[in-house]
N, C-alpha and C. Protein backbone atom coordinates (compact mmCIF):
# COMPACT_ATOMS: atom_id res chain seq x y z
N MET A 1 29.40 4.50 3.36
CA MET A 1 29.58 5.28 4.58
C MET A 1 30.63 6.34 4.32
N TRP A 2 30.39 7.55 4.79
CA TRP A 2 31.33 8.63 4.61
C TRP A 2 32.42 8.58 5.66
N LYS A 3 33.61 8.96 5.28
CA LYS A 3 34.69 9.12 6.25
C LYS A 3 34.94 10.61 6.41
N TRP A 4 34.98 11.03 7.63
CA TRP A 4 35.23 12.44 7.91
C TRP A 4 36.71 12.62 8.25
N LYS A 5 37.31 13.53 7.56
CA LYS A 5 38.70 13.85 7.86
C LYS A 5 38.74 15.32 8.21
N VAL A 6 39.03 15.58 9.47
CA VAL A 6 39.07 16.96 9.93
C VAL A 6 40.51 17.32 10.27
N THR A 7 41.00 18.30 9.57
CA THR A 7 42.36 18.77 9.86
C THR A 7 42.28 19.87 10.90
N LYS A 8 43.38 20.07 11.58
CA LYS A 8 43.42 21.05 12.66
C LYS A 8 43.08 22.44 12.11
N GLY A 9 42.09 23.07 12.73
CA GLY A 9 41.71 24.42 12.34
C GLY A 9 40.74 24.46 11.16
N ALA A 10 40.48 23.34 10.50
CA ALA A 10 39.62 23.34 9.32
C ALA A 10 38.15 23.42 9.70
N CYS A 11 37.82 22.92 10.85
CA CYS A 11 36.40 22.87 11.21
C CYS A 11 36.29 22.92 12.73
N SER A 12 35.53 23.86 13.20
CA SER A 12 35.32 23.91 14.65
C SER A 12 34.31 22.84 15.04
N ARG A 13 34.34 22.48 16.30
CA ARG A 13 33.42 21.44 16.79
C ARG A 13 31.97 21.85 16.56
N LEU A 14 31.63 23.11 16.76
CA LEU A 14 30.27 23.60 16.57
C LEU A 14 29.85 23.48 15.11
N THR A 15 30.72 23.81 14.17
CA THR A 15 30.41 23.71 12.74
C THR A 15 30.19 22.26 12.35
N CYS A 16 31.04 21.36 12.82
CA CYS A 16 30.90 19.93 12.51
C CYS A 16 29.58 19.39 13.05
N LEU A 17 29.21 19.77 14.29
CA LEU A 17 27.95 19.32 14.87
C LEU A 17 26.76 19.87 14.08
N SER A 18 26.84 21.10 13.66
CA SER A 18 25.75 21.70 12.86
C SER A 18 25.60 20.97 11.53
N LEU A 19 26.72 20.64 10.91
CA LEU A 19 26.70 19.90 9.64
C LEU A 19 26.07 18.51 9.84
N LEU A 20 26.48 17.83 10.89
CA LEU A 20 25.94 16.51 11.19
C LEU A 20 24.44 16.58 11.47
N GLN A 21 24.01 17.59 12.21
CA GLN A 21 22.60 17.77 12.52
C GLN A 21 21.80 18.03 11.23
N ALA A 22 22.33 18.82 10.34
CA ALA A 22 21.65 19.10 9.07
C ALA A 22 21.50 17.82 8.24
N LEU A 23 22.54 16.99 8.23
CA LEU A 23 22.48 15.74 7.49
C LEU A 23 21.42 14.81 8.07
N LEU A 24 21.33 14.75 9.40
CA LEU A 24 20.34 13.90 10.04
C LEU A 24 18.92 14.37 9.76
N VAL A 25 18.70 15.69 9.75
CA VAL A 25 17.38 16.23 9.48
C VAL A 25 16.93 15.86 8.07
N TYR A 26 17.83 15.98 7.09
CA TYR A 26 17.48 15.64 5.71
C TYR A 26 17.31 14.14 5.53
N ALA A 27 17.96 13.34 6.35
CA ALA A 27 17.90 11.88 6.21
C ALA A 27 16.66 11.29 6.89
N LEU A 28 16.01 12.04 7.79
CA LEU A 28 14.85 11.51 8.49
C LEU A 28 13.70 11.28 7.52
N PRO A 29 13.03 10.12 7.62
CA PRO A 29 11.85 9.91 6.79
C PRO A 29 10.71 10.78 7.30
N VAL A 30 10.07 11.53 6.43
CA VAL A 30 8.95 12.36 6.83
C VAL A 30 7.75 12.02 5.99
N ALA A 31 6.57 12.11 6.61
CA ALA A 31 5.33 11.84 5.90
C ALA A 31 4.24 12.68 6.52
N CYS A 32 3.33 13.15 5.70
CA CYS A 32 2.22 13.92 6.24
C CYS A 32 1.03 13.79 5.31
N SER A 33 -0.12 13.59 5.88
CA SER A 33 -1.32 13.45 5.06
C SER A 33 -2.09 14.76 4.96
N GLY A 34 -1.55 15.83 5.51
CA GLY A 34 -2.21 17.11 5.42
C GLY A 34 -3.02 17.45 6.66
N GLU A 35 -3.32 16.47 7.50
CA GLU A 35 -4.07 16.73 8.72
C GLU A 35 -3.12 17.16 9.83
N PRO A 36 -3.66 17.79 10.89
CA PRO A 36 -2.81 18.13 12.02
C PRO A 36 -2.20 16.87 12.60
N CYS A 37 -0.93 16.91 12.93
CA CYS A 37 -0.22 15.74 13.41
C CYS A 37 0.24 15.94 14.84
N GLY A 38 0.65 14.84 15.49
CA GLY A 38 1.12 14.88 16.87
C GLY A 38 2.45 15.58 16.99
N ALA A 39 3.56 14.84 16.82
CA ALA A 39 4.89 15.42 16.91
C ALA A 39 5.23 16.04 15.58
N MET A 40 5.25 17.36 15.52
CA MET A 40 5.41 18.05 14.24
C MET A 40 6.87 18.40 13.99
N CYS A 41 7.22 18.44 12.71
CA CYS A 41 8.52 18.94 12.30
C CYS A 41 8.38 19.52 10.92
N SER A 42 9.32 20.33 10.51
CA SER A 42 9.25 20.92 9.19
C SER A 42 10.11 20.14 8.23
N ASN A 43 9.62 19.98 7.01
CA ASN A 43 10.41 19.38 5.95
C ASN A 43 11.15 20.51 5.28
N PRO A 44 12.47 20.59 5.41
CA PRO A 44 13.20 21.72 4.88
C PRO A 44 13.20 21.76 3.36
N LEU A 45 12.84 20.67 2.71
CA LEU A 45 12.87 20.65 1.25
C LEU A 45 11.71 21.41 0.63
N ASN A 46 10.52 21.30 1.24
CA ASN A 46 9.38 21.98 0.63
C ASN A 46 8.62 22.88 1.61
N GLY A 47 9.11 23.01 2.83
CA GLY A 47 8.49 23.89 3.80
C GLY A 47 7.23 23.34 4.42
N SER A 48 6.82 22.13 4.07
CA SER A 48 5.60 21.56 4.63
C SER A 48 5.87 21.00 6.02
N THR A 49 4.82 20.92 6.80
CA THR A 49 4.92 20.35 8.13
C THR A 49 4.64 18.87 8.03
N ALA A 50 5.41 18.04 8.72
CA ALA A 50 5.26 16.59 8.60
C ALA A 50 5.61 15.91 9.91
N VAL A 51 5.29 14.63 9.99
CA VAL A 51 5.62 13.82 11.14
C VAL A 51 6.80 12.94 10.78
N ALA A 52 7.81 12.94 11.63
CA ALA A 52 8.95 12.06 11.40
C ALA A 52 8.55 10.66 11.82
N GLY A 53 8.92 9.67 11.03
CA GLY A 53 8.56 8.30 11.35
C GLY A 53 8.55 7.44 10.11
N ARG A 54 7.75 6.40 10.16
CA ARG A 54 7.68 5.44 9.06
C ARG A 54 7.12 6.11 7.80
N HIS A 55 7.69 5.77 6.65
CA HIS A 55 7.22 6.33 5.39
C HIS A 55 5.79 5.90 5.09
N VAL A 56 4.99 6.82 4.56
CA VAL A 56 3.68 6.47 4.04
C VAL A 56 3.92 5.77 2.71
N ARG A 57 3.14 4.74 2.39
CA ARG A 57 3.40 3.91 1.22
C ARG A 57 2.99 4.58 -0.09
N SER A 58 2.13 5.58 -0.07
CA SER A 58 1.75 6.31 -1.27
C SER A 58 1.99 7.79 -1.02
N TYR A 59 2.17 8.55 -2.09
CA TYR A 59 2.45 9.96 -1.97
C TYR A 59 1.50 10.75 -2.86
N ASN A 60 1.30 12.02 -2.51
CA ASN A 60 0.37 12.86 -3.26
C ASN A 60 0.69 12.90 -4.74
N HIS A 61 1.97 12.93 -5.09
CA HIS A 61 2.32 13.03 -6.50
C HIS A 61 1.99 11.74 -7.27
N LEU A 62 1.68 10.65 -6.56
CA LEU A 62 1.29 9.40 -7.21
C LEU A 62 -0.22 9.27 -7.34
N GLN A 63 -0.97 10.26 -6.84
CA GLN A 63 -2.41 10.19 -6.94
C GLN A 63 -2.78 10.16 -8.42
N GLY A 64 -3.57 9.19 -8.81
CA GLY A 64 -3.94 9.02 -10.21
C GLY A 64 -2.98 8.10 -10.95
N ASP A 65 -1.88 7.71 -10.32
CA ASP A 65 -0.91 6.80 -10.93
C ASP A 65 -1.58 5.45 -11.18
N VAL A 66 -1.40 4.90 -12.39
CA VAL A 66 -2.03 3.62 -12.75
C VAL A 66 -0.96 2.58 -13.04
N ARG A 67 -1.09 1.40 -12.41
CA ARG A 67 -0.16 0.29 -12.63
C ARG A 67 -0.92 -0.93 -13.11
N ARG A 68 -0.42 -1.60 -14.13
CA ARG A 68 -1.00 -2.87 -14.56
C ARG A 68 -0.22 -3.99 -13.90
N ARG A 69 -0.94 -4.83 -13.14
CA ARG A 69 -0.29 -5.88 -12.37
C ARG A 69 -1.16 -7.13 -12.33
N LYS A 70 -0.52 -8.23 -11.95
CA LYS A 70 -1.22 -9.44 -11.52
C LYS A 70 -0.89 -9.57 -10.04
N LEU A 71 -1.88 -9.85 -9.22
CA LEU A 71 -1.65 -10.03 -7.79
C LEU A 71 -1.49 -11.52 -7.52
N PHE A 72 -0.25 -11.92 -7.23
CA PHE A 72 0.08 -13.33 -6.99
C PHE A 72 0.10 -13.56 -5.49
N SER A 73 -0.79 -14.44 -5.02
CA SER A 73 -0.94 -14.65 -3.58
C SER A 73 0.17 -15.54 -3.02
N PHE A 74 0.37 -15.43 -1.74
CA PHE A 74 1.32 -16.28 -1.03
C PHE A 74 0.92 -17.75 -1.18
N GLN A 75 -0.38 -17.98 -1.43
CA GLN A 75 -0.92 -19.33 -1.60
C GLN A 75 -0.73 -19.85 -3.03
N LYS A 76 -0.02 -19.09 -3.88
CA LYS A 76 0.31 -19.46 -5.27
C LYS A 76 -0.88 -19.39 -6.23
N PHE A 77 -1.75 -18.40 -6.02
CA PHE A 77 -2.87 -18.14 -6.93
C PHE A 77 -2.78 -16.72 -7.44
N PHE A 78 -3.25 -16.50 -8.68
CA PHE A 78 -3.42 -15.16 -9.21
C PHE A 78 -4.85 -14.72 -8.89
N LEU A 79 -4.97 -13.54 -8.29
CA LEU A 79 -6.30 -13.00 -7.99
C LEU A 79 -6.98 -12.66 -9.32
N ARG A 80 -8.27 -13.01 -9.46
CA ARG A 80 -8.99 -12.70 -10.69
C ARG A 80 -10.39 -12.22 -10.36
N ILE A 81 -10.92 -11.38 -11.26
CA ILE A 81 -12.31 -10.94 -11.18
C ILE A 81 -12.93 -11.31 -12.52
N ASP A 82 -13.86 -12.27 -12.52
CA ASP A 82 -14.39 -12.76 -13.80
C ASP A 82 -15.46 -11.83 -14.38
N LYS A 83 -16.02 -12.20 -15.54
CA LYS A 83 -16.96 -11.33 -16.26
C LYS A 83 -18.27 -11.13 -15.53
N ASN A 84 -18.55 -11.95 -14.51
CA ASN A 84 -19.76 -11.80 -13.70
C ASN A 84 -19.49 -11.08 -12.38
N GLY A 85 -18.23 -10.68 -12.15
CA GLY A 85 -17.88 -9.98 -10.92
C GLY A 85 -17.49 -10.90 -9.78
N LYS A 86 -17.31 -12.19 -10.06
CA LYS A 86 -16.90 -13.14 -9.03
C LYS A 86 -15.40 -13.05 -8.82
N VAL A 87 -14.98 -12.99 -7.55
CA VAL A 87 -13.56 -12.89 -7.19
C VAL A 87 -13.08 -14.25 -6.70
N ASN A 88 -11.96 -14.72 -7.25
CA ASN A 88 -11.34 -15.96 -6.78
C ASN A 88 -9.89 -16.01 -7.27
N GLY A 89 -9.25 -17.15 -7.09
CA GLY A 89 -7.87 -17.31 -7.51
C GLY A 89 -7.76 -18.32 -8.63
N THR A 90 -6.72 -18.18 -9.46
CA THR A 90 -6.45 -19.12 -10.53
C THR A 90 -4.97 -19.44 -10.56
N LYS A 91 -4.63 -20.66 -10.98
CA LYS A 91 -3.23 -21.06 -11.13
C LYS A 91 -2.71 -20.69 -12.52
N SER A 92 -3.62 -20.39 -13.45
CA SER A 92 -3.25 -20.10 -14.83
C SER A 92 -2.58 -18.74 -14.96
N LYS A 93 -1.38 -18.74 -15.54
CA LYS A 93 -0.65 -17.48 -15.76
C LYS A 93 -1.27 -16.67 -16.90
N ASP A 94 -2.04 -17.34 -17.77
CA ASP A 94 -2.57 -16.69 -18.97
C ASP A 94 -4.03 -16.26 -18.84
N ASP A 95 -4.60 -16.35 -17.66
CA ASP A 95 -6.00 -15.97 -17.46
C ASP A 95 -6.17 -14.47 -17.69
N PRO A 96 -6.97 -14.05 -18.69
CA PRO A 96 -7.13 -12.62 -18.96
C PRO A 96 -7.84 -11.87 -17.83
N PHE A 97 -8.58 -12.59 -16.98
CA PHE A 97 -9.29 -11.94 -15.88
C PHE A 97 -8.39 -11.67 -14.67
N SER A 98 -7.13 -12.12 -14.75
CA SER A 98 -6.20 -11.87 -13.64
C SER A 98 -5.35 -10.61 -13.87
N ILE A 99 -5.51 -9.96 -15.01
CA ILE A 99 -4.79 -8.70 -15.27
C ILE A 99 -5.58 -7.57 -14.62
N LEU A 100 -4.93 -6.89 -13.71
CA LEU A 100 -5.59 -5.85 -12.91
C LEU A 100 -4.93 -4.50 -13.12
N GLU A 101 -5.72 -3.48 -12.91
CA GLU A 101 -5.23 -2.10 -12.97
C GLU A 101 -5.33 -1.54 -11.55
N ILE A 102 -4.19 -1.14 -10.99
CA ILE A 102 -4.17 -0.59 -9.63
C ILE A 102 -3.94 0.91 -9.75
N LYS A 103 -4.89 1.68 -9.26
CA LYS A 103 -4.84 3.14 -9.39
C LYS A 103 -4.88 3.79 -8.02
N SER A 104 -3.97 4.71 -7.77
CA SER A 104 -3.98 5.47 -6.51
C SER A 104 -5.11 6.48 -6.56
N VAL A 105 -5.97 6.46 -5.55
CA VAL A 105 -7.09 7.41 -5.49
C VAL A 105 -6.93 8.40 -4.35
N ASP A 106 -6.04 8.11 -3.41
CA ASP A 106 -5.74 9.00 -2.29
C ASP A 106 -4.44 8.50 -1.68
N VAL A 107 -3.94 9.18 -0.68
CA VAL A 107 -2.70 8.77 -0.05
C VAL A 107 -2.88 7.42 0.63
N GLY A 108 -2.17 6.40 0.13
CA GLY A 108 -2.25 5.06 0.68
C GLY A 108 -3.48 4.27 0.28
N ILE A 109 -4.38 4.87 -0.51
CA ILE A 109 -5.63 4.23 -0.92
C ILE A 109 -5.60 3.95 -2.42
N VAL A 110 -5.98 2.73 -2.81
CA VAL A 110 -5.99 2.35 -4.22
C VAL A 110 -7.35 1.77 -4.62
N ALA A 111 -7.57 1.77 -5.93
CA ALA A 111 -8.71 1.06 -6.53
C ALA A 111 -8.11 0.00 -7.43
N VAL A 112 -8.62 -1.24 -7.34
CA VAL A 112 -8.13 -2.35 -8.15
C VAL A 112 -9.26 -2.74 -9.10
N LYS A 113 -8.96 -2.68 -10.41
CA LYS A 113 -9.97 -2.96 -11.42
C LYS A 113 -9.51 -4.08 -12.34
N GLY A 114 -10.38 -5.05 -12.61
CA GLY A 114 -10.07 -6.12 -13.55
C GLY A 114 -10.20 -5.60 -14.96
N LEU A 115 -9.12 -5.69 -15.75
CA LEU A 115 -9.17 -5.17 -17.12
C LEU A 115 -10.06 -6.03 -18.02
N GLY A 116 -10.04 -7.34 -17.83
CA GLY A 116 -10.85 -8.23 -18.66
C GLY A 116 -12.33 -8.17 -18.34
N SER A 117 -12.67 -7.91 -17.09
CA SER A 117 -14.07 -7.92 -16.65
C SER A 117 -14.66 -6.53 -16.50
N ASN A 118 -13.82 -5.53 -16.29
CA ASN A 118 -14.25 -4.15 -16.06
C ASN A 118 -14.97 -3.99 -14.71
N PHE A 119 -14.67 -4.88 -13.75
CA PHE A 119 -15.22 -4.81 -12.39
C PHE A 119 -14.13 -4.35 -11.43
N TYR A 120 -14.53 -3.60 -10.39
CA TYR A 120 -13.62 -3.19 -9.33
C TYR A 120 -13.62 -4.22 -8.22
N LEU A 121 -12.46 -4.46 -7.63
CA LEU A 121 -12.36 -5.32 -6.45
C LEU A 121 -12.96 -4.56 -5.27
N ALA A 122 -13.89 -5.21 -4.56
CA ALA A 122 -14.59 -4.52 -3.48
C ALA A 122 -14.80 -5.45 -2.29
N ILE A 123 -14.88 -4.83 -1.11
CA ILE A 123 -15.20 -5.54 0.14
C ILE A 123 -16.41 -4.84 0.75
N ASN A 124 -17.48 -5.60 0.99
CA ASN A 124 -18.66 -4.97 1.59
C ASN A 124 -18.55 -4.95 3.12
N LYS A 125 -19.57 -4.40 3.76
CA LYS A 125 -19.57 -4.22 5.22
C LYS A 125 -19.46 -5.55 5.97
N LYS A 126 -19.96 -6.64 5.36
CA LYS A 126 -19.89 -7.97 5.98
C LYS A 126 -18.52 -8.62 5.77
N GLY A 127 -17.71 -8.04 4.90
CA GLY A 127 -16.39 -8.60 4.64
C GLY A 127 -16.32 -9.50 3.42
N ASP A 128 -17.39 -9.53 2.62
CA ASP A 128 -17.41 -10.35 1.41
C ASP A 128 -16.68 -9.66 0.27
N LEU A 129 -15.88 -10.42 -0.47
CA LEU A 129 -15.20 -9.90 -1.66
C LEU A 129 -16.13 -10.06 -2.86
N TYR A 130 -16.18 -9.03 -3.69
CA TYR A 130 -17.00 -9.10 -4.90
C TYR A 130 -16.49 -8.10 -5.93
N GLY A 131 -16.98 -8.22 -7.13
CA GLY A 131 -16.65 -7.27 -8.19
C GLY A 131 -17.76 -6.24 -8.31
N ALA A 132 -17.40 -4.96 -8.23
CA ALA A 132 -18.39 -3.88 -8.34
C ALA A 132 -18.27 -3.23 -9.71
N LYS A 133 -19.41 -3.02 -10.37
CA LYS A 133 -19.41 -2.42 -11.71
C LYS A 133 -19.01 -0.95 -11.65
N GLU A 134 -19.44 -0.25 -10.60
CA GLU A 134 -19.13 1.17 -10.42
C GLU A 134 -18.20 1.34 -9.22
N PHE A 135 -17.30 2.33 -9.31
CA PHE A 135 -16.40 2.62 -8.19
C PHE A 135 -17.19 3.27 -7.06
N GLY A 136 -17.03 2.73 -5.85
CA GLY A 136 -17.74 3.28 -4.69
C GLY A 136 -16.94 3.07 -3.42
N THR A 137 -17.59 3.28 -2.28
CA THR A 137 -16.95 3.17 -0.97
C THR A 137 -16.32 1.80 -0.75
N ASP A 138 -16.99 0.73 -1.18
CA ASP A 138 -16.48 -0.63 -0.99
C ASP A 138 -15.19 -0.89 -1.77
N CYS A 139 -14.91 -0.07 -2.77
CA CYS A 139 -13.77 -0.29 -3.67
C CYS A 139 -12.48 0.37 -3.19
N LYS A 140 -12.54 1.16 -2.15
CA LYS A 140 -11.34 1.85 -1.64
C LYS A 140 -10.56 0.90 -0.74
N LEU A 141 -9.32 0.61 -1.14
CA LEU A 141 -8.48 -0.35 -0.41
C LEU A 141 -7.19 0.31 0.05
N LYS A 142 -6.81 0.03 1.29
CA LYS A 142 -5.53 0.51 1.82
C LYS A 142 -4.45 -0.46 1.38
N GLU A 143 -3.48 0.04 0.64
CA GLU A 143 -2.37 -0.79 0.17
C GLU A 143 -1.18 -0.58 1.10
N ARG A 144 -0.60 -1.68 1.55
CA ARG A 144 0.54 -1.59 2.46
C ARG A 144 1.57 -2.66 2.12
N ILE A 145 2.83 -2.28 2.12
CA ILE A 145 3.91 -3.24 1.91
C ILE A 145 4.30 -3.80 3.27
N GLU A 146 4.20 -5.11 3.41
CA GLU A 146 4.52 -5.77 4.67
C GLU A 146 6.02 -6.06 4.77
N GLU A 147 6.45 -6.48 5.96
CA GLU A 147 7.87 -6.72 6.22
C GLU A 147 8.45 -7.82 5.33
N ASN A 148 7.62 -8.77 4.89
CA ASN A 148 8.11 -9.87 4.05
C ASN A 148 8.16 -9.50 2.57
N GLY A 149 7.82 -8.25 2.23
CA GLY A 149 7.86 -7.78 0.84
C GLY A 149 6.56 -7.95 0.09
N TYR A 150 5.58 -8.63 0.68
CA TYR A 150 4.27 -8.79 0.05
C TYR A 150 3.40 -7.59 0.38
N ASN A 151 2.37 -7.36 -0.42
CA ASN A 151 1.41 -6.28 -0.17
C ASN A 151 0.14 -6.85 0.46
N THR A 152 -0.51 -6.03 1.27
CA THR A 152 -1.84 -6.36 1.78
C THR A 152 -2.79 -5.27 1.32
N TYR A 153 -4.05 -5.64 1.15
CA TYR A 153 -5.10 -4.72 0.72
C TYR A 153 -6.26 -4.85 1.69
N ALA A 154 -6.51 -3.79 2.44
CA ALA A 154 -7.58 -3.79 3.45
C ALA A 154 -8.64 -2.77 3.06
N SER A 155 -9.87 -3.03 3.46
CA SER A 155 -10.95 -2.08 3.21
C SER A 155 -10.62 -0.76 3.91
N ALA A 156 -10.72 0.33 3.16
CA ALA A 156 -10.45 1.65 3.74
C ALA A 156 -11.64 2.14 4.56
N GLU A 157 -12.81 1.56 4.32
CA GLU A 157 -14.03 2.03 4.96
C GLU A 157 -14.52 1.13 6.08
N TRP A 158 -14.52 -0.17 5.86
CA TRP A 158 -15.16 -1.10 6.79
C TRP A 158 -14.15 -1.82 7.69
N ARG A 159 -14.59 -2.03 8.93
CA ARG A 159 -13.80 -2.76 9.90
C ARG A 159 -14.71 -3.76 10.61
N ASN A 160 -14.11 -4.78 11.20
CA ASN A 160 -14.86 -5.76 11.98
C ASN A 160 -14.32 -5.73 13.40
N LYS A 161 -15.13 -5.25 14.33
CA LYS A 161 -14.72 -5.11 15.73
C LYS A 161 -13.40 -4.36 15.83
N LYS A 162 -13.32 -3.25 15.13
CA LYS A 162 -12.16 -2.34 15.10
C LYS A 162 -10.93 -2.94 14.42
N ARG A 163 -11.08 -4.10 13.80
CA ARG A 163 -9.96 -4.72 13.07
C ARG A 163 -10.17 -4.54 11.58
N PRO A 164 -9.08 -4.27 10.84
CA PRO A 164 -9.23 -4.13 9.38
C PRO A 164 -9.63 -5.46 8.74
N MET A 165 -10.34 -5.35 7.62
CA MET A 165 -10.73 -6.53 6.85
C MET A 165 -9.93 -6.53 5.55
N PHE A 166 -9.26 -7.64 5.26
CA PHE A 166 -8.33 -7.73 4.14
C PHE A 166 -8.85 -8.56 2.99
N VAL A 167 -8.31 -8.28 1.80
CA VAL A 167 -8.50 -9.14 0.65
C VAL A 167 -7.66 -10.38 0.91
N GLY A 168 -8.25 -11.57 0.75
CA GLY A 168 -7.50 -12.80 1.00
C GLY A 168 -8.02 -13.96 0.17
N LEU A 169 -7.10 -14.87 -0.18
CA LEU A 169 -7.46 -16.09 -0.88
C LEU A 169 -7.03 -17.28 -0.03
N SER A 170 -7.93 -18.26 0.11
CA SER A 170 -7.62 -19.44 0.91
C SER A 170 -6.65 -20.36 0.17
N ALA A 171 -6.27 -21.45 0.80
CA ALA A 171 -5.32 -22.41 0.23
C ALA A 171 -5.85 -23.07 -1.04
N ASN A 172 -7.18 -23.02 -1.27
CA ASN A 172 -7.73 -23.58 -2.51
C ASN A 172 -8.22 -22.49 -3.48
N GLY A 173 -7.80 -21.23 -3.26
CA GLY A 173 -8.09 -20.14 -4.19
C GLY A 173 -9.45 -19.49 -4.03
N LYS A 174 -10.17 -19.83 -2.96
CA LYS A 174 -11.48 -19.22 -2.73
C LYS A 174 -11.30 -17.91 -1.95
N PRO A 175 -12.18 -16.93 -2.22
CA PRO A 175 -12.06 -15.66 -1.49
C PRO A 175 -12.39 -15.85 -0.01
N MET A 176 -11.61 -15.22 0.83
CA MET A 176 -11.84 -15.32 2.27
C MET A 176 -12.72 -14.16 2.72
N ARG A 177 -13.53 -14.43 3.72
CA ARG A 177 -14.35 -13.38 4.30
C ARG A 177 -13.46 -12.46 5.11
N GLY A 178 -13.63 -11.16 4.93
CA GLY A 178 -12.79 -10.17 5.59
C GLY A 178 -12.74 -10.29 7.10
N LYS A 179 -13.82 -10.77 7.70
CA LYS A 179 -13.88 -10.91 9.16
C LYS A 179 -12.90 -11.95 9.68
N LYS A 180 -12.50 -12.89 8.81
CA LYS A 180 -11.59 -13.96 9.23
C LYS A 180 -10.13 -13.68 8.86
N THR A 181 -9.86 -12.53 8.29
CA THR A 181 -8.50 -12.22 7.83
C THR A 181 -7.75 -11.37 8.85
N ARG A 182 -6.43 -11.52 8.83
CA ARG A 182 -5.53 -10.73 9.68
C ARG A 182 -4.33 -10.31 8.85
N ARG A 183 -3.72 -9.21 9.21
CA ARG A 183 -2.56 -8.69 8.49
C ARG A 183 -1.40 -9.69 8.44
N ASN A 184 -1.15 -10.38 9.54
CA ASN A 184 0.00 -11.29 9.60
C ASN A 184 -0.29 -12.67 9.02
N ASN A 185 -1.53 -12.91 8.58
CA ASN A 185 -1.90 -14.18 7.96
C ASN A 185 -1.51 -14.14 6.49
N THR A 186 -0.73 -15.13 6.03
CA THR A 186 -0.22 -15.10 4.65
C THR A 186 -1.31 -15.26 3.59
N THR A 187 -2.52 -15.63 3.98
CA THR A 187 -3.62 -15.70 3.01
C THR A 187 -3.98 -14.31 2.47
N THR A 188 -3.53 -13.26 3.16
CA THR A 188 -3.83 -11.89 2.73
C THR A 188 -2.64 -11.23 2.02
N HIS A 189 -1.58 -11.97 1.78
CA HIS A 189 -0.36 -11.40 1.21
C HIS A 189 -0.28 -11.65 -0.30
N PHE A 190 0.00 -10.58 -1.04
CA PHE A 190 0.06 -10.63 -2.50
C PHE A 190 1.31 -9.94 -3.03
N LEU A 191 1.89 -10.52 -4.09
CA LEU A 191 2.99 -9.88 -4.81
C LEU A 191 2.44 -9.26 -6.07
N PRO A 192 2.57 -7.94 -6.23
CA PRO A 192 2.14 -7.31 -7.48
C PRO A 192 3.19 -7.61 -8.57
N MET A 193 2.78 -8.33 -9.60
CA MET A 193 3.70 -8.70 -10.68
C MET A 193 3.39 -7.88 -11.92
N VAL A 194 4.43 -7.27 -12.49
CA VAL A 194 4.28 -6.44 -13.68
C VAL A 194 3.78 -7.29 -14.85
N VAL A 195 2.79 -6.79 -15.56
CA VAL A 195 2.22 -7.51 -16.72
C VAL A 195 3.02 -7.16 -17.96
């Protein structure tokens, strides 16, 4: 925390208020996806227009960024995509099918690919998890960091009764149907672990 020491005559009240206002403007979290926004403000650093509020979890400069990770579920399973495209969980730390490549494809949107199987993690319209050989609409996942520090992955395209459908593993490591998942349910929470 900064301590302000103002000597007599060194700073007028107006100058101090202007300085404080400038500091607050630069300290505000800003995010913008490029679309027209509600409450607009300017980002003085790059001149772009943005919305003040919660940070977006991905940024344009990370588009194309690739991370190698293992997704460790709150249920103590590593998410895996096997050589046939089947998605499930394993307790084995050494399972080659649990090594995943997470790539940013758009702001807040990622593609998760199994390195051992060469399949993409996908959620279809019914909410079923599966491995897709080719990248498509089902493979676009919204990545979000939750308040407990775990990540959730929801279908960017499909919803069930206006609710997002999440990647989830049950207490026995079986894939959960997206229609039965919720953001606050720990079956959908994963820790990305560096490989």
